[in-house]
Protein backbone atom coordinates (compact mmCIF):
# COMPACT_ATOMS: atom_id res chain seq x y z
CA MET A 1 24.74 56.19 -51.43
CA ILE A 2 26.50 55.43 -48.15
CA ARG A 3 24.23 57.88 -46.36
CA HIS A 4 21.10 56.14 -47.67
CA PHE A 5 22.46 52.76 -46.61
CA LYS A 6 23.05 54.02 -43.02
CA ILE A 7 19.50 55.39 -42.91
CA TRP A 8 18.07 52.01 -43.97
CA VAL A 9 20.18 50.10 -41.45
CA THR A 10 19.16 52.49 -38.64
CA THR A 11 15.49 52.28 -39.61
CA LEU A 12 15.60 48.47 -39.72
CA GLY A 13 17.21 48.34 -36.27
CA LEU A 14 14.55 50.60 -34.78
CA VAL A 15 11.77 48.52 -36.33
CA LEU A 16 13.23 45.26 -34.96
CA ALA A 17 13.68 46.79 -31.50
CA GLY A 18 10.07 48.00 -31.58
CA LEU A 19 8.80 44.56 -32.55
CA ILE A 20 10.75 42.94 -29.71
CA LEU A 21 9.38 45.42 -27.16
CA PHE A 22 5.84 44.95 -28.47
CA PHE A 23 6.13 41.15 -28.21
CA ALA A 24 7.52 41.28 -24.67
CA GLY A 25 4.83 43.72 -23.62
CA SER A 26 2.12 41.48 -25.03
CA LEU A 27 3.41 38.54 -23.01
CA TYR A 28 3.54 40.62 -19.83
CA VAL A 29 0.06 42.06 -20.20
CA GLY A 30 -1.37 38.66 -21.13
CA GLY A 31 0.12 37.04 -18.06
CA CYS A 32 0.00 39.80 -15.47
CA SER A 33 -2.47 42.38 -16.83
CA TYR A 34 -1.42 45.91 -15.88
CA HIS A 35 -0.25 45.08 -12.36
CA ASN A 36 3.15 44.07 -11.13
CA ASN A 37 1.99 41.20 -8.91
CA CYS A 38 0.46 39.02 -11.65
CA VAL A 39 -2.70 38.51 -9.61
CA ASP A 40 -5.13 39.78 -12.23
CA GLY A 41 -3.51 38.17 -15.23
CA GLY A 42 -5.40 36.31 -17.85
CA ARG A 43 -4.16 32.96 -16.57
CA ALA A 44 -6.55 30.81 -14.56
CA GLN A 45 -5.69 30.92 -10.87
CA PHE A 46 -5.09 27.54 -9.20
CA THR A 47 -7.07 26.97 -6.03
CA HIS A 48 -5.78 23.39 -5.65
CA THR A 49 -2.95 21.50 -7.24
CA PRO A 50 -2.39 17.76 -6.95
CA ILE A 51 0.98 16.26 -6.13
CA ALA A 52 3.40 17.34 -8.81
CA THR A 53 4.69 13.81 -9.28
CA LEU A 54 1.25 12.19 -9.53
CA ILE A 55 1.33 9.50 -12.18
CA PRO A 56 -1.37 9.82 -14.89
CA ALA A 57 -4.19 7.39 -14.17
CA THR A 58 -3.75 5.25 -17.25
CA LEU A 59 -3.05 1.92 -15.58
CA PRO A 60 -4.44 -1.17 -17.31
CA ALA A 61 -7.55 -2.67 -15.79
CA ASN A 62 -6.54 -5.25 -13.18
CA ALA A 63 -8.39 -8.15 -11.68
CA LEU A 64 -10.22 -7.14 -8.54
CA PRO A 65 -8.29 -7.59 -5.27
CA PHE A 66 -10.49 -10.41 -4.12
CA PRO A 67 -11.30 -13.90 -5.34
CA SER A 68 -13.69 -14.03 -8.27
CA SER A 69 -14.18 -17.77 -8.14
CA SER A 70 -17.59 -19.19 -7.33
CA SER A 71 -15.84 -21.24 -4.65
CA SER A 72 -15.26 -18.12 -2.56
CA ASP A 73 -17.14 -17.98 0.74
CA ASN A 74 -16.55 -14.25 1.18
CA CYS A 75 -19.25 -11.66 1.82
CA THR A 76 -20.14 -8.93 -0.70
CA VAL A 77 -19.83 -5.47 0.84
CA THR A 78 -19.27 -1.83 -0.09
CA ALA A 79 -16.15 0.01 1.01
CA GLN A 80 -18.20 2.41 3.12
CA VAL A 81 -19.94 -0.34 5.09
CA LEU A 82 -16.70 -2.24 5.66
CA LEU A 83 -14.68 0.78 6.77
CA SER A 84 -17.44 2.17 8.97
CA ALA A 85 -17.91 -1.18 10.72
CA TRP A 86 -14.17 -1.47 11.37
CA VAL A 87 -13.81 2.06 12.73
CA SER A 88 -16.97 1.85 14.85
CA ALA A 89 -15.79 -1.46 16.35
CA GLY A 90 -12.59 0.17 17.61
CA PHE A 91 -10.37 -0.24 14.49
CA SER A 92 -8.33 -3.18 15.85
CA GLU A 93 -5.56 -4.75 13.80
CA THR A 94 -6.30 -8.34 14.88
CA GLN A 95 -9.77 -8.45 16.43
CA ALA A 96 -12.65 -9.36 14.15
CA PHE A 97 -15.60 -7.00 13.62
CA ASN A 98 -19.12 -7.67 12.36
CA PHE A 99 -21.14 -6.15 9.52
CA THR A 100 -24.13 -6.97 7.31
CA ASP A 101 -23.32 -7.43 3.64
CA LEU A 102 -25.30 -6.50 0.53
CA ASN A 103 -27.15 -9.82 0.65
CA ASN A 104 -28.27 -9.06 4.21
CA VAL A 105 -25.93 -11.75 5.54
CA ALA A 106 -24.29 -11.29 8.95
CA CYS A 107 -20.52 -11.37 8.39
CA GLU A 108 -17.22 -11.07 10.18
CA ALA A 109 -13.96 -9.55 8.93
CA SER A 110 -10.67 -8.12 10.16
CA TYR A 111 -8.26 -5.36 9.14
CA THR A 112 -6.60 -7.56 6.49
CA ASP A 113 -9.92 -7.70 4.62
CA LEU A 114 -10.06 -3.93 4.15
CA GLN A 115 -6.37 -3.24 3.47
CA PRO A 116 -6.86 -3.73 -0.32
CA LEU A 117 -9.10 -0.64 -0.27
CA PHE A 118 -5.90 1.33 0.37
CA SER A 119 -3.34 -0.74 -1.53
CA GLN A 120 -5.07 -1.89 -4.72
CA SER A 121 -4.96 0.12 -7.96
CA ASN A 122 -7.92 0.19 -10.37
CA LEU A 123 -10.28 -0.44 -7.47
CA TRP A 124 -12.11 2.83 -6.82
CA TYR A 125 -12.52 3.42 -10.55
CA SER A 126 -10.94 2.08 -13.74
CA GLY A 127 -7.43 3.48 -14.00
CA SER A 128 -7.24 4.70 -10.39
CA LEU A 129 -3.99 4.68 -8.48
CA ALA A 130 -3.78 2.86 -5.18
CA CYS A 131 -4.16 5.15 -2.15
CA THR A 132 -0.72 4.00 -1.03
CA ASP A 133 0.87 5.41 -4.18
CA CYS A 134 0.47 8.84 -2.59
CA HIS A 135 -0.02 8.04 1.10
CA ASN A 136 3.03 6.02 2.06
CA ALA A 137 5.95 5.79 4.46
CA ALA A 138 7.98 8.52 2.69
CA LEU A 139 6.70 11.10 5.16
CA SER A 140 9.62 13.47 4.60
CA LYS A 141 9.28 13.40 0.82
CA ALA A 142 6.25 12.66 -1.32
CA ALA A 143 3.68 11.22 1.11
CA SER A 144 0.56 13.30 0.64
CA ALA A 145 -0.68 14.84 3.92
CA GLN A 146 2.18 12.97 5.62
CA LEU A 147 -0.14 9.97 5.87
CA ASP A 148 0.97 6.35 5.50
CA LEU A 149 -1.76 3.91 4.43
CA ASN A 150 0.67 1.09 3.72
CA SER A 151 0.22 -0.48 7.14
CA TYR A 152 -2.10 -0.62 10.11
CA ALA A 153 0.39 1.35 12.21
CA GLY A 154 0.50 4.08 9.57
CA VAL A 155 -3.29 4.33 9.35
CA VAL A 156 -3.86 4.68 13.10
CA ALA A 157 -0.91 7.09 13.45
CA GLY A 158 -2.86 9.59 11.38
CA SER A 159 -1.93 12.38 9.00
CA HIS A 160 0.48 15.34 9.05
CA ARG A 161 3.19 13.39 10.86
CA SER A 162 6.78 14.49 10.93
CA PRO A 163 9.40 11.81 10.10
CA GLY A 164 10.05 9.66 13.15
CA SER A 165 6.83 10.69 14.87
CA THR A 166 4.38 7.94 15.82
CA THR A 167 1.32 10.17 16.08
CA GLY A 168 -0.31 12.79 13.92
CA VAL A 169 -3.83 14.01 13.27
CA ASP A 170 -6.38 11.23 13.88
CA ILE A 171 -8.22 10.26 10.67
CA LEU A 172 -10.50 7.69 12.35
CA GLY A 173 -12.53 10.04 14.52
CA GLY A 174 -11.51 8.22 17.67
CA GLY A 175 -13.92 5.45 16.69
CA ASP A 176 -16.73 7.80 15.59
CA TRP A 177 -17.11 7.01 11.90
CA GLN A 178 -19.35 9.96 11.09
CA ALA A 179 -16.78 12.37 12.55
CA SER A 180 -13.77 10.68 10.97
CA THR A 181 -11.66 12.36 8.31
CA LEU A 182 -11.61 9.09 6.38
CA ASN A 183 -15.39 9.22 6.01
CA GLN A 184 -15.35 12.91 5.10
CA VAL A 185 -12.79 12.73 2.29
CA LEU A 186 -14.01 9.44 0.79
CA PHE A 187 -17.79 9.56 1.11
CA VAL A 188 -18.94 13.07 2.10
CA THR A 189 -16.83 15.54 0.11
CA HIS A 190 -15.44 12.92 -2.31
CA GLN A 191 -12.00 14.56 -2.31
CA MET A 192 -10.32 11.20 -2.77
CA PRO A 193 -9.04 9.31 -4.59
CA TYR A 194 -7.14 11.80 -6.77
CA GLY A 195 -8.40 12.18 -10.31
CA LEU A 196 -11.86 10.86 -9.46
CA PRO A 197 -14.00 11.23 -12.61
CA ALA A 198 -17.51 12.61 -12.07
CA ASN A 199 -20.07 9.92 -11.17
CA SER A 200 -17.49 7.16 -11.62
CA VAL A 201 -17.82 5.68 -8.12
CA PRO A 202 -21.06 4.74 -6.32
CA ALA A 203 -21.88 6.69 -3.16
CA GLY A 204 -20.76 3.78 -0.99
CA GLY A 205 -17.50 3.25 -2.85
CA PRO A 206 -16.47 0.08 -4.69
CA THR A 207 -18.02 -3.29 -3.86
CA ILE A 208 -15.60 -6.01 -2.83
CA LEU A 209 -15.55 -9.51 -1.39
CA ALA A 210 -14.39 -9.46 2.23
CA GLY A 211 -14.81 -11.43 5.43
CA LEU A 212 -16.93 -14.51 5.96
CA PRO A 213 -20.54 -15.18 6.90
CA LEU A 214 -20.88 -15.78 10.64
CA ALA A 215 -22.45 -19.12 9.80
CA VAL A 216 -19.17 -20.17 8.19
CA VAL A 217 -17.01 -18.68 10.94
CA ASN A 218 -18.95 -20.46 13.68
CA ALA A 219 -19.27 -23.76 11.86
CA THR A 220 -17.62 -26.75 13.51
CA PRO A 221 -14.52 -27.76 11.51
CA GLU A 222 -14.99 -30.86 9.44
CA PRO A 223 -13.40 -33.88 11.15
CA THR A 224 -10.87 -36.08 9.40
CA PRO A 225 -11.32 -39.87 9.21
CA SER A 226 -9.17 -40.10 12.35
CA GLY A 227 -11.58 -37.84 14.22
CA GLU A 228 -9.22 -34.85 14.34
CA GLU A 229 -10.43 -31.39 13.38
CA ILE A 230 -8.93 -30.05 10.14
CA ALA A 231 -6.45 -27.26 10.83
CA ARG A 232 -7.71 -23.80 9.87
CA PRO A 233 -6.07 -20.35 9.96
CA ASN A 234 -7.17 -18.07 12.81
CA THR A 235 -7.71 -15.16 10.39
CA PRO A 236 -11.00 -14.72 8.52
CA GLY A 237 -11.31 -15.18 4.78
CA GLY A 238 -12.28 -17.72 2.18
CA THR A 239 -10.43 -19.39 -0.65
CA GLY A 240 -9.27 -17.66 -3.81
CA SER A 241 -9.47 -18.63 -7.44
CA ALA A 242 -6.17 -20.50 -7.07
CA VAL A 243 -8.13 -23.61 -6.09
CA ASP A 244 -9.61 -23.69 -9.60
CA LEU A 245 -6.25 -23.32 -11.38
CA THR A 246 -3.75 -26.00 -12.37
CA GLY A 247 -0.50 -25.52 -10.48
CA ASP A 248 2.98 -26.23 -11.78
CA PRO A 249 5.22 -27.71 -9.04
CA VAL A 250 8.40 -26.83 -10.95
CA VAL A 251 7.44 -23.15 -11.11
CA GLY A 252 6.11 -23.39 -7.56
CA LYS A 253 9.50 -24.49 -6.26
CA GLN A 254 11.14 -21.19 -7.20
CA ILE A 255 8.20 -19.19 -5.84
CA TYR A 256 8.54 -21.14 -2.59
CA ILE A 257 12.30 -20.46 -2.41
CA ASP A 258 11.76 -16.74 -2.99
CA ASN A 259 8.87 -16.22 -0.60
CA CYS A 260 8.34 -19.14 1.80
CA GLN A 261 11.67 -20.84 2.46
CA MET A 262 12.90 -18.19 4.92
CA CYS A 263 10.17 -19.25 7.36
CA HIS A 264 9.33 -22.86 6.49
CA GLY A 265 12.87 -24.00 5.69
CA THR A 266 14.45 -25.74 2.72
CA GLU A 267 11.92 -28.03 1.03
CA GLY A 268 9.52 -27.26 3.87
CA LYS A 269 11.58 -29.14 6.47
CA GLY A 270 11.03 -26.41 9.07
CA ASP A 271 13.45 -26.00 12.01
CA VAL A 272 13.04 -22.21 11.82
CA LEU A 273 12.74 -20.58 15.24
CA ASN A 274 9.76 -18.40 16.03
CA PRO A 275 10.15 -16.91 19.53
CA GLY A 276 6.94 -15.85 21.20
CA THR A 277 4.87 -18.78 19.92
CA ASP A 278 3.67 -21.72 22.02
CA ASP A 279 5.99 -24.23 20.36
CA GLY A 280 8.80 -21.81 19.41
CA THR A 281 9.07 -22.79 15.75
CA VAL A 282 7.43 -22.15 12.38
CA PRO A 283 5.28 -25.13 11.28
CA GLU A 284 6.99 -27.46 8.84
CA LEU A 285 5.38 -28.19 5.49
CA ASN A 286 7.23 -31.44 4.79
CA PRO A 287 5.59 -33.39 6.28
CA ILE A 288 2.60 -31.05 6.43
CA ASP A 289 -0.12 -31.13 9.11
CA SER A 290 -1.82 -34.47 8.54
CA THR A 291 -5.32 -32.96 8.86
CA LEU A 292 -4.72 -30.91 5.71
CA VAL A 293 -3.86 -33.94 3.60
CA SER A 294 -6.55 -35.45 1.40
CA SER A 295 -6.64 -38.04 -1.35
CA ASP A 296 -8.79 -35.58 -3.29
CA TYR A 297 -6.51 -32.93 -4.79
CA SER A 298 -9.22 -30.23 -4.74
CA THR A 299 -9.82 -30.75 -1.01
CA TYR A 300 -6.07 -30.82 -0.33
CA ALA A 301 -5.60 -27.55 -2.26
CA TYR A 302 -8.63 -25.99 -0.51
CA ASN A 303 -7.17 -26.72 2.93
CA MET A 304 -3.83 -25.16 2.03
CA ASP A 305 -5.28 -22.23 0.11
CA LEU A 306 -7.11 -20.91 3.20
CA PHE A 307 -3.74 -20.35 4.91
CA ILE A 308 -1.96 -18.87 1.89
CA GLN A 309 -4.81 -16.54 0.94
CA ASN A 310 -5.53 -15.19 4.42
CA GLY A 311 -2.37 -15.77 6.45
CA SER A 312 -2.38 -16.99 10.03
CA ARG A 313 -1.17 -15.79 13.41
CA PRO A 314 0.57 -18.54 15.42
CA ALA A 315 -0.66 -19.28 18.93
CA GLY A 316 1.46 -17.44 21.48
CA VAL A 317 1.91 -14.19 23.35
CA ASN A 318 4.01 -12.31 20.79
CA PRO A 319 5.14 -14.38 17.79
CA SER A 320 8.14 -13.00 15.94
CA ARG A 321 6.96 -14.45 12.64
CA VAL A 322 3.37 -14.23 11.37
CA MET A 323 2.18 -15.75 8.11
CA PRO A 324 1.11 -12.90 5.80
CA PRO A 325 -2.09 -13.00 3.70
CA TRP A 326 -0.35 -13.66 0.40
CA GLY A 327 -3.57 -13.79 -1.58
CA SER A 328 -5.84 -11.17 -0.03
CA GLN A 329 -3.07 -8.55 -0.13
CA ASN A 330 -1.81 -9.59 -3.57
CA GLY A 331 1.64 -10.61 -2.38
CA LEU A 332 1.32 -13.50 -4.84
CA THR A 333 -0.96 -13.90 -7.82
CA GLN A 334 -3.58 -16.64 -7.79
CA GLN A 335 -1.55 -18.61 -10.34
CA GLN A 336 1.57 -18.35 -8.17
CA ILE A 337 -0.42 -19.62 -5.19
CA ALA A 338 -1.68 -22.55 -7.26
CA ASP A 339 1.94 -23.31 -8.25
CA VAL A 340 3.14 -23.21 -4.62
CA ILE A 341 0.30 -25.49 -3.54
CA ALA A 342 1.27 -27.98 -6.26
CA TYR A 343 4.90 -27.86 -5.12
CA ILE A 344 4.09 -28.48 -1.45
CA ILE A 345 1.66 -31.29 -2.27
CA ASN A 346 4.39 -32.80 -4.45
CA LEU A 347 6.84 -32.65 -1.53
CA ASN A 348 4.48 -34.69 0.61
CA LYS A 349 3.97 -37.57 -1.81
């Protein structure tokens, strides 16, 4: 009896060991075939892998990064036309460049008009990440191709930069758009943006609103009743949809404190130094430039919105503080801009 029991136990052990060896062998052959280097295994071989930390493109559909209001004066242009015009004109950060829009209108724009092409999600196709999600200042860590598209300096510095280096591989073709890497990856080989679904983006890229018609740029500013010209920002761009929204001055006060007070002072009283400008200070908003004031609220908001949407560079050799384009670069939402406008108008009553 004992002898039979030992035989059964031994047999069971051998069977289990055989099953384990068979299972392990099946896994090995399935993954590596009959070679030791796993080259010929049944697994598909990867010829390209995206960034391991790439976020799935399931972002909700956003509003486009440009004003959708009928009050906008901006030109309608494809990404390819806008980028090619900028590069071919010498890719300046501040100097304006010309292009012809989809309506065959002669237009003018600057770098700030095309920055949303790099920084806005859901732009190239529904659910797309912003280019800057992968190409950013973290050159030593996750920045794809060691390329920073967050800023003008990062774009012109190029790709494959080591941390601390100011130059890398030129992506702008030295001003030759056709030879530029930017053109190749976006419009020739369509390697970017990551996760691009087949036939999801037109050949010329997304269509956006950018720049202004030359007729608007060259128009003589409307005079005020006193004969003075109405102040205008020295950066191109039209108004946003904020001019059609109702602003809340109470909400606008906190937005002003968080974003504007550091430059324009408490309650817009100014007295903030700005070395490098002609007058040495940041303009006060309380009282605001008299040429911006109007008895018609819509006109008043329009005059202010041009500055907030597009920013402005103060007159001077090298101003320390420059007003950013809060609207065109989505630093503030259109509703937040409407609230800030209401607050500043309320201060000047």
